[in-house]
Amino acid sequence: MTEPKDLPYSIEHRQPVARTEGLKVTILTLAAGEEVPWHSHSIIDDDFFCMQGPMVVETRRPDAANVLNPGETLKVPVGRPHRVTGQNGGPCRFLLVQGVGEHDFISE
């Protein structure tokens, strides 16, 4: 499983919530101007739950800009490129559930 130190970006804060073989749950906080850059995963889905926002999850194939407000969710299926930012470059905080399977980060 990919560790935060191995990722090609940094963000304000990562709070591990739960981790088992094949499943990772984390709260991520993005400061204003930060992003989780374009990437995809070869095995796992990403499930987003917006805690503070709004936040934007952009996807390719198909192209979309999904705006999530607090309490809203979005699933990005395996293989779909995506990136995450706060709306209009603002801060956001979200719960991220990743699984089931080995986590990888494929830069797009």
N, C-alpha and C. Protein backbone atom coordinates (compact mmCIF):
# COMPACT_ATOMS: atom_id res chain seq x y z
N MET A 1 0.84 -1.17 0.00
CA MET A 1 0.00 0.00 0.00
C MET A 1 0.89 1.24 0.00
N THR A 2 0.54 2.21 -0.83
CA THR A 2 1.32 3.45 -0.90
C THR A 2 1.22 4.21 0.41
N GLU A 3 2.33 4.71 0.88
CA GLU A 3 2.38 5.51 2.11
C GLU A 3 2.40 6.99 1.77
N PRO A 4 1.91 7.86 2.67
CA PRO A 4 1.93 9.31 2.37
C PRO A 4 3.30 9.85 1.98
N LYS A 5 4.37 9.35 2.60
CA LYS A 5 5.71 9.83 2.27
C LYS A 5 6.11 9.51 0.84
N ASP A 6 5.44 8.54 0.21
CA ASP A 6 5.75 8.12 -1.15
C ASP A 6 4.96 8.89 -2.21
N LEU A 7 4.00 9.72 -1.79
CA LEU A 7 3.16 10.44 -2.73
C LEU A 7 3.87 11.68 -3.27
N PRO A 8 3.60 12.06 -4.52
CA PRO A 8 4.31 13.19 -5.14
C PRO A 8 3.70 14.56 -4.82
N TYR A 9 3.04 14.70 -3.69
CA TYR A 9 2.44 15.97 -3.29
C TYR A 9 2.32 15.99 -1.77
N SER A 10 2.13 17.17 -1.21
CA SER A 10 1.90 17.28 0.22
C SER A 10 0.67 18.14 0.45
N ILE A 11 0.00 17.91 1.58
CA ILE A 11 -1.18 18.67 1.94
C ILE A 11 -1.08 19.07 3.41
N GLU A 12 -2.01 19.90 3.84
CA GLU A 12 -1.96 20.42 5.20
C GLU A 12 -1.98 19.32 6.26
N HIS A 13 -2.89 18.34 6.11
CA HIS A 13 -3.00 17.32 7.16
C HIS A 13 -3.64 16.05 6.64
N ARG A 14 -3.15 14.92 7.15
CA ARG A 14 -3.74 13.59 6.93
C ARG A 14 -3.98 12.97 8.29
N GLN A 15 -5.19 12.51 8.52
CA GLN A 15 -5.53 11.86 9.78
C GLN A 15 -6.01 10.44 9.49
N PRO A 16 -5.19 9.43 9.78
CA PRO A 16 -5.65 8.06 9.58
C PRO A 16 -6.84 7.75 10.50
N VAL A 17 -7.84 7.10 9.95
CA VAL A 17 -9.02 6.71 10.72
C VAL A 17 -9.03 5.20 10.94
N ALA A 18 -8.80 4.45 9.86
CA ALA A 18 -8.77 3.00 9.94
C ALA A 18 -7.95 2.45 8.79
N ARG A 19 -7.31 1.30 9.05
CA ARG A 19 -6.53 0.67 8.00
C ARG A 19 -6.47 -0.83 8.26
N THR A 20 -6.83 -1.58 7.26
CA THR A 20 -6.69 -3.02 7.29
C THR A 20 -6.09 -3.42 5.95
N GLU A 21 -5.77 -4.67 5.80
CA GLU A 21 -5.25 -5.11 4.51
C GLU A 21 -6.30 -4.87 3.44
N GLY A 22 -5.96 -4.04 2.47
CA GLY A 22 -6.85 -3.78 1.36
C GLY A 22 -7.85 -2.65 1.56
N LEU A 23 -7.82 -1.97 2.71
CA LEU A 23 -8.76 -0.88 2.96
C LEU A 23 -8.10 0.21 3.78
N LYS A 24 -8.28 1.47 3.34
CA LYS A 24 -7.69 2.60 4.05
C LYS A 24 -8.73 3.70 4.15
N VAL A 25 -8.90 4.27 5.36
CA VAL A 25 -9.83 5.37 5.60
C VAL A 25 -9.02 6.51 6.23
N THR A 26 -9.09 7.69 5.60
CA THR A 26 -8.28 8.83 6.03
C THR A 26 -9.10 10.11 5.91
N ILE A 27 -8.86 11.06 6.82
CA ILE A 27 -9.40 12.41 6.67
C ILE A 27 -8.28 13.28 6.13
N LEU A 28 -8.53 13.93 5.00
CA LEU A 28 -7.54 14.79 4.36
C LEU A 28 -8.00 16.24 4.46
N THR A 29 -7.08 17.12 4.80
CA THR A 29 -7.35 18.56 4.87
C THR A 29 -6.46 19.26 3.86
N LEU A 30 -7.09 19.99 2.94
CA LEU A 30 -6.35 20.77 1.95
C LEU A 30 -6.45 22.24 2.35
N ALA A 31 -5.32 22.90 2.49
CA ALA A 31 -5.29 24.34 2.71
C ALA A 31 -5.63 25.04 1.40
N ALA A 32 -5.95 26.32 1.48
CA ALA A 32 -6.22 27.10 0.28
C ALA A 32 -5.07 26.95 -0.71
N GLY A 33 -5.40 26.65 -1.96
CA GLY A 33 -4.40 26.52 -3.00
C GLY A 33 -3.79 25.14 -3.15
N GLU A 34 -4.05 24.22 -2.20
CA GLU A 34 -3.50 22.87 -2.31
C GLU A 34 -4.42 21.98 -3.14
N GLU A 35 -3.84 20.88 -3.62
CA GLU A 35 -4.62 19.92 -4.41
C GLU A 35 -4.06 18.52 -4.23
N VAL A 36 -4.90 17.56 -4.52
CA VAL A 36 -4.45 16.19 -4.77
C VAL A 36 -4.41 16.12 -6.29
N PRO A 37 -3.21 16.04 -6.89
CA PRO A 37 -3.09 16.19 -8.34
C PRO A 37 -3.69 15.00 -9.11
N TRP A 38 -3.78 15.21 -10.42
CA TRP A 38 -4.34 14.18 -11.30
C TRP A 38 -3.65 12.84 -11.08
N HIS A 39 -4.48 11.81 -10.90
CA HIS A 39 -3.97 10.46 -10.73
C HIS A 39 -5.11 9.47 -10.92
N SER A 40 -4.76 8.20 -10.92
CA SER A 40 -5.75 7.12 -10.95
C SER A 40 -5.21 5.98 -10.10
N HIS A 41 -6.04 4.95 -9.96
CA HIS A 41 -5.66 3.75 -9.21
C HIS A 41 -5.95 2.54 -10.08
N SER A 42 -5.10 1.53 -10.01
CA SER A 42 -5.27 0.36 -10.87
C SER A 42 -6.17 -0.72 -10.26
N ILE A 43 -6.44 -0.66 -8.95
CA ILE A 43 -7.23 -1.71 -8.31
C ILE A 43 -8.40 -1.15 -7.49
N ILE A 44 -8.21 -0.01 -6.83
CA ILE A 44 -9.18 0.47 -5.85
C ILE A 44 -10.07 1.59 -6.37
N ASP A 45 -11.24 1.74 -5.72
CA ASP A 45 -12.11 2.89 -5.88
C ASP A 45 -11.76 3.91 -4.81
N ASP A 46 -12.09 5.17 -5.05
CA ASP A 46 -12.02 6.22 -4.04
C ASP A 46 -13.45 6.66 -3.74
N ASP A 47 -13.82 6.65 -2.47
CA ASP A 47 -15.11 7.16 -2.03
C ASP A 47 -14.87 8.40 -1.18
N PHE A 48 -15.41 9.54 -1.63
CA PHE A 48 -15.21 10.83 -0.97
C PHE A 48 -16.46 11.21 -0.18
N PHE A 49 -16.26 11.74 1.03
CA PHE A 49 -17.32 12.30 1.85
C PHE A 49 -16.86 13.68 2.28
N CYS A 50 -17.52 14.73 1.77
CA CYS A 50 -17.12 16.10 2.07
C CYS A 50 -17.51 16.46 3.50
N MET A 51 -16.53 16.91 4.27
CA MET A 51 -16.77 17.34 5.65
C MET A 51 -16.80 18.86 5.77
N GLN A 52 -15.92 19.53 5.05
CA GLN A 52 -15.89 20.99 4.97
C GLN A 52 -15.58 21.35 3.53
N GLY A 53 -16.27 22.30 3.02
CA GLY A 53 -16.07 22.62 1.62
C GLY A 53 -16.73 23.93 1.29
N PRO A 54 -17.11 24.04 0.05
CA PRO A 54 -17.22 23.00 -0.95
C PRO A 54 -15.86 22.55 -1.49
N MET A 55 -15.89 21.36 -2.07
CA MET A 55 -14.70 20.79 -2.69
C MET A 55 -15.07 20.37 -4.11
N VAL A 56 -14.05 20.18 -4.94
CA VAL A 56 -14.28 19.79 -6.32
C VAL A 56 -13.45 18.54 -6.62
N VAL A 57 -14.12 17.51 -7.13
CA VAL A 57 -13.44 16.30 -7.61
C VAL A 57 -13.62 16.30 -9.13
N GLU A 58 -12.54 16.61 -9.84
CA GLU A 58 -12.57 16.60 -11.29
C GLU A 58 -12.23 15.19 -11.77
N THR A 59 -12.87 14.76 -12.85
CA THR A 59 -12.59 13.45 -13.43
C THR A 59 -12.39 13.58 -14.93
N ARG A 60 -11.72 12.58 -15.46
CA ARG A 60 -11.56 12.41 -16.91
C ARG A 60 -12.16 11.07 -17.29
N ARG A 61 -12.60 10.98 -18.53
CA ARG A 61 -13.17 9.73 -19.06
C ARG A 61 -14.35 9.23 -18.25
N PRO A 62 -15.42 9.96 -18.06
CA PRO A 62 -15.75 11.22 -18.73
C PRO A 62 -15.25 12.43 -17.94
N ASP A 63 -15.12 13.55 -18.67
CA ASP A 63 -14.72 14.81 -18.04
C ASP A 63 -15.88 15.36 -17.22
N ALA A 64 -15.60 15.71 -15.97
CA ALA A 64 -16.63 16.29 -15.11
C ALA A 64 -15.95 17.05 -13.98
N ALA A 65 -16.66 18.03 -13.44
CA ALA A 65 -16.22 18.75 -12.25
C ALA A 65 -17.34 18.58 -11.23
N ASN A 66 -17.14 17.67 -10.29
CA ASN A 66 -18.15 17.33 -9.29
C ASN A 66 -17.94 18.18 -8.04
N VAL A 67 -18.88 19.08 -7.77
CA VAL A 67 -18.80 19.93 -6.59
C VAL A 67 -19.54 19.23 -5.45
N LEU A 68 -18.82 19.04 -4.33
CA LEU A 68 -19.41 18.41 -3.16
C LEU A 68 -19.49 19.42 -2.03
N ASN A 69 -20.65 19.51 -1.43
CA ASN A 69 -20.85 20.32 -0.23
C ASN A 69 -20.83 19.40 0.98
N PRO A 70 -20.64 19.94 2.18
CA PRO A 70 -20.60 19.08 3.36
C PRO A 70 -21.78 18.12 3.42
N GLY A 71 -21.44 16.85 3.67
CA GLY A 71 -22.44 15.79 3.73
C GLY A 71 -22.66 15.05 2.43
N GLU A 72 -22.11 15.56 1.32
CA GLU A 72 -22.29 14.90 0.03
C GLU A 72 -21.15 13.94 -0.25
N THR A 73 -21.44 12.93 -1.07
CA THR A 73 -20.46 11.88 -1.37
C THR A 73 -20.29 11.70 -2.88
N LEU A 74 -19.18 11.07 -3.23
CA LEU A 74 -18.91 10.73 -4.63
C LEU A 74 -17.98 9.53 -4.68
N LYS A 75 -18.27 8.59 -5.56
CA LYS A 75 -17.40 7.45 -5.81
C LYS A 75 -16.67 7.68 -7.13
N VAL A 76 -15.35 7.54 -7.11
CA VAL A 76 -14.54 7.56 -8.34
C VAL A 76 -14.05 6.13 -8.53
N PRO A 77 -14.55 5.46 -9.57
CA PRO A 77 -14.21 4.05 -9.76
C PRO A 77 -12.77 3.83 -10.22
N VAL A 78 -12.30 2.64 -10.00
CA VAL A 78 -10.97 2.22 -10.39
C VAL A 78 -10.69 2.63 -11.84
N GLY A 79 -9.47 3.15 -12.07
CA GLY A 79 -9.03 3.49 -13.42
C GLY A 79 -9.42 4.87 -13.89
N ARG A 80 -10.34 5.57 -13.21
CA ARG A 80 -10.76 6.89 -13.68
C ARG A 80 -9.83 7.97 -13.11
N PRO A 81 -9.15 8.72 -13.99
CA PRO A 81 -8.28 9.81 -13.51
C PRO A 81 -9.11 10.87 -12.78
N HIS A 82 -8.52 11.40 -11.70
CA HIS A 82 -9.22 12.42 -10.92
C HIS A 82 -8.22 13.30 -10.17
N ARG A 83 -8.70 14.47 -9.76
CA ARG A 83 -7.93 15.37 -8.90
C ARG A 83 -8.90 16.05 -7.96
N VAL A 84 -8.39 16.54 -6.82
CA VAL A 84 -9.25 17.12 -5.78
C VAL A 84 -8.70 18.49 -5.38
N THR A 85 -9.60 19.48 -5.28
CA THR A 85 -9.26 20.82 -4.81
C THR A 85 -10.42 21.36 -3.99
N GLY A 86 -10.16 22.42 -3.26
CA GLY A 86 -11.26 23.19 -2.70
C GLY A 86 -11.86 24.04 -3.81
N GLN A 87 -13.15 24.30 -3.74
CA GLN A 87 -13.78 25.12 -4.78
C GLN A 87 -13.14 26.51 -4.80
N ASN A 88 -12.86 27.01 -6.00
CA ASN A 88 -12.22 28.31 -6.20
C ASN A 88 -10.90 28.43 -5.45
N GLY A 89 -10.19 27.31 -5.29
CA GLY A 89 -8.88 27.32 -4.63
C GLY A 89 -8.96 27.43 -3.12
N GLY A 90 -10.15 27.30 -2.56
CA GLY A 90 -10.31 27.42 -1.11
C GLY A 90 -9.94 26.14 -0.39
N PRO A 91 -9.99 26.16 0.94
CA PRO A 91 -9.67 24.96 1.72
C PRO A 91 -10.84 23.98 1.71
N CYS A 92 -10.55 22.73 2.04
CA CYS A 92 -11.60 21.72 2.21
C CYS A 92 -11.08 20.59 3.08
N ARG A 93 -12.01 19.80 3.59
CA ARG A 93 -11.66 18.63 4.39
C ARG A 93 -12.63 17.53 4.02
N PHE A 94 -12.10 16.31 3.84
CA PHE A 94 -12.96 15.20 3.42
C PHE A 94 -12.45 13.88 3.96
N LEU A 95 -13.40 12.96 4.11
CA LEU A 95 -13.10 11.59 4.47
C LEU A 95 -12.93 10.82 3.17
N LEU A 96 -11.86 10.03 3.09
CA LEU A 96 -11.58 9.25 1.89
C LEU A 96 -11.48 7.78 2.25
N VAL A 97 -12.33 6.97 1.62
CA VAL A 97 -12.30 5.52 1.80
C VAL A 97 -11.72 4.93 0.52
N GLN A 98 -10.63 4.15 0.66
CA GLN A 98 -9.95 3.57 -0.49
C GLN A 98 -9.88 2.06 -0.34
N GLY A 99 -10.42 1.36 -1.32
CA GLY A 99 -10.38 -0.09 -1.29
C GLY A 99 -11.38 -0.65 -2.28
N VAL A 100 -11.51 -1.87 -2.33
CA VAL A 100 -10.80 -2.91 -1.60
C VAL A 100 -9.70 -3.42 -2.51
N GLY A 101 -8.48 -3.46 -1.98
CA GLY A 101 -7.32 -3.92 -2.72
C GLY A 101 -6.12 -3.09 -2.38
N GLU A 102 -5.03 -3.36 -3.06
CA GLU A 102 -3.77 -2.67 -2.84
C GLU A 102 -3.84 -1.24 -3.39
N HIS A 103 -3.47 -0.25 -2.57
CA HIS A 103 -3.49 1.16 -2.97
C HIS A 103 -2.25 1.48 -3.80
N ASP A 104 -2.47 2.18 -4.92
CA ASP A 104 -1.37 2.72 -5.71
C ASP A 104 -1.75 4.11 -6.16
N PHE A 105 -0.79 4.88 -6.63
CA PHE A 105 -1.01 6.24 -7.10
C PHE A 105 -0.33 6.37 -8.44
N ILE A 106 -1.11 6.45 -9.51
CA ILE A 106 -0.59 6.53 -10.86
C ILE A 106 -0.79 7.97 -11.35
N SER A 107 0.30 8.73 -11.44
CA SER A 107 0.22 10.12 -11.89
C SER A 107 -0.29 10.17 -13.32
N GLU A 108 -1.13 11.12 -13.60
CA GLU A 108 -1.72 11.27 -14.94
C GLU A 108 -1.14 12.50 -15.63
